C-alpha atoms as a PDB file:
ATOM      1  CA  MET A   1      90.745 116.218 111.369  1.00  0.00           C
ATOM      2  CA  ASN A   2      89.040 115.274 114.368  1.00  0.00           C
ATOM      3  CA  ARG A   3      85.533 116.036 115.530  1.00  0.00           C
ATOM      4  CA  PRO A   4      85.747 119.635 117.590  1.00  0.00           C
ATOM      5  CA  LYS A   5      87.817 120.699 114.414  1.00  0.00           C
ATOM      6  CA  ASN A   6      85.138 119.740 112.136  1.00  0.00           C
ATOM      7  CA  LYS A   7      82.389 121.555 114.257  1.00  0.00           C
ATOM      8  CA  ARG A   8      84.261 124.862 114.631  1.00  0.00           C
ATOM      9  CA  PHE A   9      84.669 124.321 110.652  1.00  0.00           C
ATOM     10  CA  LEU A  10      81.349 124.316 110.017  1.00  0.00           C
ATOM     11  CA  ARG A  11      80.045 126.937 112.300  1.00  0.00           C
ATOM     12  CA  GLN A  12      82.580 129.182 110.473  1.00  0.00           C
ATOM     13  CA  ARG A  13      82.083 127.980 107.153  1.00  0.00           C
ATOM     14  CA  PHE A  14      78.114 128.979 107.868  1.00  0.00           C
ATOM     15  CA  ARG A  15      78.622 132.206 108.706  1.00  0.00           C
ATOM     16  CA  TYR A  16      80.423 132.852 105.537  1.00  0.00           C
ATOM     17  CA  ALA A  17      78.163 130.943 103.783  1.00  0.00           C
ATOM     18  CA  MET A  18      75.382 133.391 104.588  1.00  0.00           C
ATOM     19  CA  SER A  19      77.768 136.688 104.220  1.00  0.00           C
ATOM     20  CA  ASP A  20      78.355 135.107 100.829  1.00  0.00           C
ATOM     21  CA  ALA A  21      74.774 134.505 100.286  1.00  0.00           C
ATOM     22  CA  ALA A  22      74.016 137.786 100.995  1.00  0.00           C
ATOM     23  CA  ASP A  23      76.576 138.972  99.004  1.00  0.00           C
ATOM     24  CA  LYS A  24      75.598 137.277  95.788  1.00  0.00           C
ATOM     25  CA  ALA A  25      71.987 137.265  96.194  1.00  0.00           C
ATOM     26  CA  LEU A  26      71.598 139.941  93.181  1.00  0.00           C
ATOM     27  CA  ARG A  27      72.923 137.821  90.702  1.00  0.00           C
ATOM     28  CA  TRP A  28      71.580 135.272  88.672  1.00  0.00           C
ATOM     29  CA  PRO A  29      69.866 133.312  90.851  1.00  0.00           C
ATOM     30  CA  THR A  30      67.210 136.782  91.933  1.00  0.00           C
ATOM     31  CA  LEU A  31      67.429 138.098  88.143  1.00  0.00           C
ATOM     32  CA  LEU A  32      66.059 134.812  87.059  1.00  0.00           C
ATOM     33  CA  SER A  33      63.364 134.470  89.853  1.00  0.00           C
ATOM     34  CA  ALA A  34      62.861 138.033  89.036  1.00  0.00           C
ATOM     35  CA  ALA A  35      61.526 137.707  85.880  1.00  0.00           C
ATOM     36  CA  LEU A  36      59.510 134.387  86.496  1.00  0.00           C
ATOM     37  CA  LEU A  37      57.991 135.906  89.468  1.00  0.00           C
ATOM     38  CA  GLY A  38      57.529 139.310  87.623  1.00  0.00           C
ATOM     39  CA  TYR A  39      54.978 137.704  84.868  1.00  0.00           C
ATOM     40  CA  VAL A  40      53.792 135.395  87.762  1.00  0.00           C
ATOM     41  CA  LEU A  41      52.594 136.615  90.870  1.00  0.00           C
ATOM     42  CA  PRO A  42      50.947 139.314  89.470  1.00  0.00           C
ATOM     43  CA  LYS A  43      48.221 137.098  87.854  1.00  0.00           C
ATOM     44  CA  THR A  44      47.859 134.906  90.996  1.00  0.00           C
ATOM     45  CA  LEU A  45      49.087 136.132  94.858  1.00  0.00           C
ATOM     46  CA  ILE A  46      49.218 139.651  94.518  1.00  0.00           C
ATOM     47  CA  ALA A  47      46.978 140.347  92.366  1.00  0.00           C
ATOM     48  CA  ALA A  48      44.471 142.353  94.244  1.00  0.00           C
ATOM     49  CA  ILE A  49      47.586 144.972  95.797  1.00  0.00           C
ATOM     50  CA  PRO A  50      46.408 147.930  94.052  1.00  0.00           C
ATOM     51  CA  SER A  51      49.744 149.826  94.366  1.00  0.00           C
ATOM     52  CA  GLN A  52      52.326 149.419  91.753  1.00  0.00           C
ATOM     53  CA  ILE A  53      55.436 149.862  94.097  1.00  0.00           C
ATOM     54  CA  THR A  54      53.872 147.242  97.088  1.00  0.00           C
ATOM     55  CA  ASN A  55      53.902 144.748  93.988  1.00  0.00           C
ATOM     56  CA  ASP A  56      57.230 145.832  92.523  1.00  0.00           C
ATOM     57  CA  VAL A  57      58.485 145.704  96.572  1.00  0.00           C
ATOM     58  CA  ALA A  58      56.880 142.032  96.892  1.00  0.00           C
ATOM     59  CA  ILE A  59      58.232 140.895  93.858  1.00  0.00           C
ATOM     60  CA  ALA A  60      61.911 141.875  94.993  1.00  0.00           C
ATOM     61  CA  ALA A  61      61.688 140.510  98.453  1.00  0.00           C
ATOM     62  CA  ALA A  62      60.870 137.382  97.140  1.00  0.00           C
ATOM     63  CA  CYS A  63      63.493 136.888  94.630  1.00  0.00           C
ATOM     64  CA  TRP A  64      66.038 138.064  97.096  1.00  0.00           C
ATOM     65  CA  ILE A  65      64.721 135.311  98.953  1.00  0.00           C
ATOM     66  CA  ILE A  66      65.054 132.710  96.585  1.00  0.00           C
ATOM     67  CA  GLY A  67      68.637 134.206  95.301  1.00  0.00           C
ATOM     68  CA  SER A  68      70.288 133.884  98.805  1.00  0.00           C
ATOM     69  CA  ALA A  69      68.724 130.392  99.530  1.00  0.00           C
ATOM     70  CA  VAL A  70      70.518 129.107  96.211  1.00  0.00           C
ATOM     71  CA  HIS A  71      73.881 130.463  96.951  1.00  0.00           C
ATOM     72  CA  LEU A  72      72.587 129.533 100.909  1.00  0.00           C
ATOM     73  CA  LEU A  73      72.533 125.979  99.560  1.00  0.00           C
ATOM     74  CA  ALA A  74      75.483 126.480  97.338  1.00  0.00           C
ATOM     75  CA  ALA A  75      77.923 127.345  99.634  1.00  0.00           C
ATOM     76  CA  LEU A  76      76.918 124.498 102.328  1.00  0.00           C
ATOM     77  CA  PHE A  77      77.716 121.997  99.293  1.00  0.00           C
ATOM     78  CA  LYS A  78      81.190 123.939  99.395  1.00  0.00           C
ATOM     79  CA  ALA A  79      81.636 123.801 103.165  1.00  0.00           C
ATOM     80  CA  HIS A  80      81.227 119.386 102.652  1.00  0.00           C
ATOM     81  CA  SER A  81      84.087 119.671  99.982  1.00  0.00           C
ATOM     82  CA  ARG A  82      86.207 121.182 102.178  1.00  0.00           C
ATOM     83  CA  ILE A  83      85.503 118.972 105.122  1.00  0.00           C
ATOM     84  CA  ALA A  84      86.216 115.840 102.912  1.00  0.00           C
ATOM     85  CA  PRO A  85      88.018 117.400  99.961  1.00  0.00           C
ATOM     86  CA  LEU A  86      89.411 113.890  98.303  1.00  0.00           C
ATOM     87  CA  ALA A  87      88.018 111.430  96.024  1.00  0.00           C
ATOM     88  CA  VAL A  88      90.511 108.500  95.286  1.00  0.00           C
ATOM     89  CA  LYS A  89      89.967 105.809  92.510  1.00  0.00           C
ATOM     90  CA  VAL A  90      92.388 102.846  92.316  1.00  0.00           C
ATOM     91  CA  THR A  91      93.399 102.242  88.720  1.00  0.00           C
ATOM     92  CA  ASP A  92      95.753  99.679  86.736  1.00  0.00           C
ATOM     93  CA  ASP A  93      96.122 101.425  83.511  1.00  0.00           C
ATOM     94  CA  VAL A  94      98.228 104.012  83.768  1.00  0.00           C
ATOM     95  CA  ARG A  95     102.495 103.317  83.879  1.00  0.00           C
ATOM     96  CA  SER A  96     104.644 105.358  85.790  1.00  0.00           C
ATOM     97  CA  PRO A  97     107.565 106.696  83.865  1.00  0.00           C
ATOM     98  CA  ASP A  98     110.199 105.884  86.172  1.00  0.00           C
ATOM     99  CA  VAL A  99     109.223 102.123  85.317  1.00  0.00           C
ATOM    100  CA  ALA A 100     110.826 100.521  82.618  1.00  0.00           C
ATOM    101  CA  SER A 101     108.879  98.896  79.568  1.00  0.00           C
ATOM    102  CA  HIS A 102     110.349  97.965  76.319  1.00  0.00           C
ATOM    103  CA  HIS A 103     110.560  94.438  73.915  1.00  0.00           C
ATOM    104  CA  GLN A 104     112.548  92.584  76.882  1.00  0.00           C
ATOM    105  CA  VAL A 105     111.335  94.222  80.075  1.00  0.00           C
ATOM    106  CA  ARG A 106     107.327  95.269  80.527  1.00  0.00           C
ATOM    107  CA  GLY A 107     106.823  96.728  83.994  1.00  0.00           C
ATOM    108  CA  TYR A 108     103.296  97.533  85.020  1.00  0.00           C
ATOM    109  CA  ASN A 109     101.788  99.761  87.915  1.00  0.00           C
ATOM    110  CA  VAL A 110      99.011 100.030  90.575  1.00  0.00           C
ATOM    111  CA  ALA A 111      98.035 103.654  91.232  1.00  0.00           C
ATOM    112  CA  VAL A 112      95.456 105.739  92.975  1.00  0.00           C
ATOM    113  CA  ILE A 113      94.321 108.693  91.371  1.00  0.00           C
ATOM    114  CA  VAL A 114      93.686 111.794  93.814  1.00  0.00           C
ATOM    115  CA  ARG A 115      91.353 114.454  93.167  1.00  0.00           C
ATOM    116  CA  ASN A 116      90.671 117.871  95.246  1.00  0.00           C
ATOM    117  CA  ARG A 117      87.461 118.136  94.836  1.00  0.00           C
ATOM    118  CA  SER A 118      86.824 121.736  97.277  1.00  0.00           C
ATOM    119  CA  ASP A 119      88.097 125.343  96.709  1.00  0.00           C
ATOM    120  CA  ALA A 120      90.969 125.005  99.029  1.00  0.00           C
ATOM    121  CA  HIS A 121      94.860 124.450  97.552  1.00  0.00           C
ATOM    122  CA  LEU A 122      95.951 121.735  99.982  1.00  0.00           C
ATOM    123  CA  LYS A 123      99.018 121.384 101.007  1.00  0.00           C
ATOM    124  CA  ASP A 124     101.654 118.868 102.000  1.00  0.00           C
ATOM    125  CA  CYS A 125      99.521 115.703 101.320  1.00  0.00           C
ATOM    126  CA  ALA A 126     101.444 112.200 102.255  1.00  0.00           C
ATOM    127  CA  ALA A 127     100.698 109.127 100.485  1.00  0.00           C
ATOM    128  CA  TYR A 128     100.793 106.093 102.315  1.00  0.00           C
ATOM    129  CA  VAL A 129     100.611 102.366 102.182  1.00  0.00           C
ATOM    130  CA  MET A 130      99.394 101.150 105.556  1.00  0.00           C
ATOM    131  CA  ASN A 131     100.073  97.967 106.045  1.00  0.00           C
ATOM    132  CA  ALA A 132     103.423  97.413 104.073  1.00  0.00           C
ATOM    133  CA  PRO A 133     105.886  94.735 105.432  1.00  0.00           C
ATOM    134  CA  GLN A 134     108.734  96.052 108.144  1.00  0.00           C
ATOM    135  CA  ALA A 135     112.086  94.963 108.548  1.00  0.00           C
ATOM    136  CA  ASP A 136     111.157  93.158 111.594  1.00  0.00           C
ATOM    137  CA  GLY A 137     108.352  91.204 110.048  1.00  0.00           C
ATOM    138  CA  SER A 138     105.111  93.252 111.146  1.00  0.00           C
ATOM    139  CA  THR A 139     103.459  95.620 108.844  1.00  0.00           C
ATOM    140  CA  GLY A 140     102.713  99.342 109.075  1.00  0.00           C
ATOM    141  CA  PRO A 141     102.956 102.698 106.906  1.00  0.00           C
ATOM    142  CA  ARG A 142     105.325 103.057 104.531  1.00  0.00           C
ATOM    143  CA  CYS A 143     105.526 106.722 102.808  1.00  0.00           C
ATOM    144  CA  VAL A 144     104.994 106.633  99.245  1.00  0.00           C
ATOM    145  CA  GLU A 145     104.829 110.105  97.913  1.00  0.00           C
ATOM    146  CA  LYS A 146     104.286 113.563  99.265  1.00  0.00           C
ATOM    147  CA  PHE A 147     102.374 116.643  96.690  1.00  0.00           C
ATOM    148  CA  ASP A 148     100.329 119.271  96.914  1.00  0.00           C
ATOM    149  CA  LEU A 149      96.872 119.373  95.205  1.00  0.00           C
ATOM    150  CA  PRO A 150      95.299 122.881  94.250  1.00  0.00           C
ATOM    151  CA  PRO A 151      92.030 123.265  93.855  1.00  0.00           C
ATOM    152  CA  LYS A 152      90.267 121.123  91.416  1.00  0.00           C
ATOM    153  CA  SER A 153      93.275 119.268  90.676  1.00  0.00           C
ATOM    154  CA  LYS A 154      93.967 115.630  90.600  1.00  0.00           C
ATOM    155  CA  LYS A 155      97.251 113.836  91.329  1.00  0.00           C
ATOM    156  CA  THR A 156      98.261 109.709  90.009  1.00  0.00           C
ATOM    157  CA  VAL A 157      99.920 108.539  92.878  1.00  0.00           C
ATOM    158  CA  PHE A 158     101.839 105.011  91.678  1.00  0.00           C
ATOM    159  CA  VAL A 159     101.601 102.916  94.759  1.00  0.00           C
ATOM    160  CA  ALA A 160     102.984  99.301  93.725  1.00  0.00           C
ATOM    161  CA  TYR A 161     105.197  97.744  90.209  1.00  0.00           C
ATOM    162  CA  TRP A 162     105.802  94.618  88.902  1.00  0.00           C
ATOM    163  CA  PHE A 163     107.926  93.605  85.898  1.00  0.00           C
ATOM    164  CA  SER A 164     107.608  90.439  83.123  1.00  0.00           C
ATOM    165  CA  ARG A 165     110.395  89.764  81.463  1.00  0.00           C
ATOM    166  CA  GLU A 166     111.241  87.728  78.078  1.00  0.00           C
ATOM    167  CA  PRO A 167     112.989  84.278  78.241  1.00  0.00           C
ATOM    168  CA  PHE A 168     115.607  83.524  79.433  1.00  0.00           C
ATOM    169  CA  ARG A 169     114.735  85.858  82.518  1.00  0.00           C
ATOM    170  CA  SER A 170     111.474  84.975  84.754  1.00  0.00           C
ATOM    171  CA  ASP A 171     108.639  87.388  85.507  1.00  0.00           C
ATOM    172  CA  ASP A 172     108.770  88.819  89.303  1.00  0.00           C
ATOM    173  CA  LYS A 173     107.502  86.380  91.842  1.00  0.00           C
ATOM    174  CA  ASP A 174     106.585  89.598  93.981  1.00  0.00           C
ATOM    175  CA  ILE A 175     104.841  93.051  93.914  1.00  0.00           C
ATOM    176  CA  GLY A 176     106.683  95.794  94.329  1.00  0.00           C
ATOM    177  CA  LEU A 177     105.737  98.825  96.630  1.00  0.00           C
ATOM    178  CA  THR A 178     106.684 102.270  95.559  1.00  0.00           C
ATOM    179  CA  GLY A 179     108.538 104.596  98.330  1.00  0.00           C
ATOM    180  CA  VAL A 180     110.231 107.479  98.340  1.00  0.00           C
ATOM    181  CA  VAL A 181     113.889 107.280  96.448  1.00  0.00           C
ATOM    182  CA  SER A 182     116.611 106.506  98.532  1.00  0.00           C
ATOM    183  CA  GLU A 183     120.292 107.733  98.439  1.00  0.00           C
ATOM    184  CA  ARG A 184     121.334 104.416  98.779  1.00  0.00           C
ATOM    185  CA  PHE A 185     121.241 101.717  95.778  1.00  0.00           C
ATOM    186  CA  ASP A 186     117.866  99.475  96.554  1.00  0.00           C
ATOM    187  CA  GLY A 187     118.238 101.572  99.610  1.00  0.00           C
ATOM    188  CA  ASN A 188     114.173 101.487  99.956  1.00  0.00           C
ATOM    189  CA  VAL A 189     113.512  98.939  97.857  1.00  0.00           C
ATOM    190  CA  CYS A 190     109.880  96.450  99.013  1.00  0.00           C
ATOM    191  CA  GLY A 191     108.322  94.228  98.225  1.00  0.00           C
ATOM    192  CA  ILE A 192     105.114  91.933  99.245  1.00  0.00           C
ATOM    193  CA  ARG A 193     105.689  88.145  98.765  1.00  0.00           C
ATOM    194  CA  GLY A 194     103.035  86.098  96.677  1.00  0.00           C
ATOM    195  CA  PRO A 195     101.007  86.684  93.705  1.00  0.00           C
ATOM    196  CA  ALA A 196      98.333  88.904  95.294  1.00  0.00           C
ATOM    197  CA  ALA A 197      97.947  91.058  98.704  1.00  0.00           C
ATOM    198  CA  ILE A 198      95.113  93.745  99.516  1.00  0.00           C
ATOM    199  CA  LEU A 199      96.816  97.243 100.076  1.00  0.00           C
ATOM    200  CA  HIS A 200      95.471  99.923 102.329  1.00  0.00           C
ATOM    201  CA  VAL A 201      96.336 103.276 100.921  1.00  0.00           C
ATOM    202  CA  ARG A 202      95.729 106.344 103.353  1.00  0.00           C
ATOM    203  CA  ILE A 203      95.948 110.137 101.634  1.00  0.00           C
ATOM    204  CA  ASP A 204      96.772 112.421 104.294  1.00  0.00           C
ATOM    205  CA  PRO A 205      96.740 115.933 103.737  1.00  0.00           C
ATOM    206  CA  ARG A 206      97.711 118.526 106.513  1.00  0.00           C
ATOM    207  CA  ASP A 207      94.475 120.190 106.968  1.00  0.00           C
ATOM    208  CA  ALA A 208      91.819 118.199 106.147  1.00  0.00           C
ATOM    209  CA  ASN A 209      90.191 114.677 106.745  1.00  0.00           C
ATOM    210  CA  SER A 210      92.216 112.012 105.545  1.00  0.00           C
ATOM    211  CA  LYS A 211      91.155 109.318 102.698  1.00  0.00           C
ATOM    212  CA  ASP A 212      91.718 105.252 102.910  1.00  0.00           C
ATOM    213  CA  VAL A 213      91.261 103.076 100.662  1.00  0.00           C
ATOM    214  CA  HIS A 214      91.342  99.165 100.272  1.00  0.00           C
ATOM    215  CA  CYS A 215      91.921  97.320  97.203  1.00  0.00           C
ATOM    216  CA  ARG A 216      93.501  94.030  96.092  1.00  0.00           C
ATOM    217  CA  VAL A 217      96.366  93.660  93.648  1.00  0.00           C
ATOM    218  CA  TRP A 218      97.289  90.335  92.139  1.00  0.00           C
ATOM    219  CA  ILE A 219      99.699  89.393  89.150  1.00  0.00           C
ATOM    220  CA  ASP A 220      97.121  88.238  86.603  1.00  0.00           C
ATOM    221  CA  GLU A 221      99.547  85.119  85.425  1.00  0.00           C
ATOM    222  CA  ASN A 222      97.500  84.640  81.838  1.00  0.00           C
ATOM    223  CA  VAL A 223      98.172  88.224  80.555  1.00  0.00           C
ATOM    224  CA  ARG A 224     101.225  88.682  82.442  1.00  0.00           C
ATOM    225  CA  ARG A 225     100.401  91.864  83.599  1.00  0.00           C
ATOM    226  CA  LEU A 226      99.354  93.290  87.456  1.00  0.00           C
ATOM    227  CA  ARG A 227      96.059  93.683  88.120  1.00  0.00           C
ATOM    228  CA  ALA A 228      94.156  95.922  91.049  1.00  0.00           C
ATOM    229  CA  ALA A 229      90.120  96.124  92.138  1.00  0.00           C
ATOM    230  CA  PRO A 230      88.841  98.780  94.908  1.00  0.00           C
ATOM    231  CA  LEU A 231      87.331  96.630  97.845  1.00  0.00           C
ATOM    232  CA  PRO A 232      84.345  97.824  99.760  1.00  0.00           C
ATOM    233  CA  ASP A 233      85.356 100.144 102.447  1.00  0.00           C
END
């Protein structure tokens, strides 16, 4: 989403936050503050007010303001999570069910765990490796997977793989990149030459800002497995 869309969304979300705060203002923050202020205020600020009705109205008004402020703050936090809903973590500790692993061949993966922090259902999300090798020798985006993210859910997206093999077969020399399955046998195979690489992964929802993460991926020859570590943004 670009800046004008962000501003428009923030204005709409703020209006919604105000109405939502007013609607919920008589719930638990108001009740809690009423119990506290009903005990404290008569002994301090409004002790000099002679009318009991006036005292009650003053306490009710103060409690409503506190309740509204609490829910308004909560709604603004929700607005922020709606604009930037994605949290992404790089890991090398999970295995894809599509990668073989047995006593002769062991498969290892690098994945990103994508979490939807918002209360919105994010549809048509796409994961890309942005610097994948292309057929002409350049680098460019490679689609890894497409998926939906329900509110507060998470998704594991496998972006790279590597195989170790027992003698008399040798381990993979290159790191493979996961991609959308092709109808042809080996029709969508893509690899990065060498034992290490820097990957740029992007998660791009249809109706929210994309999230980028950079990570170093390498073959650890000492333990014969694939490793990954996130890099600073």
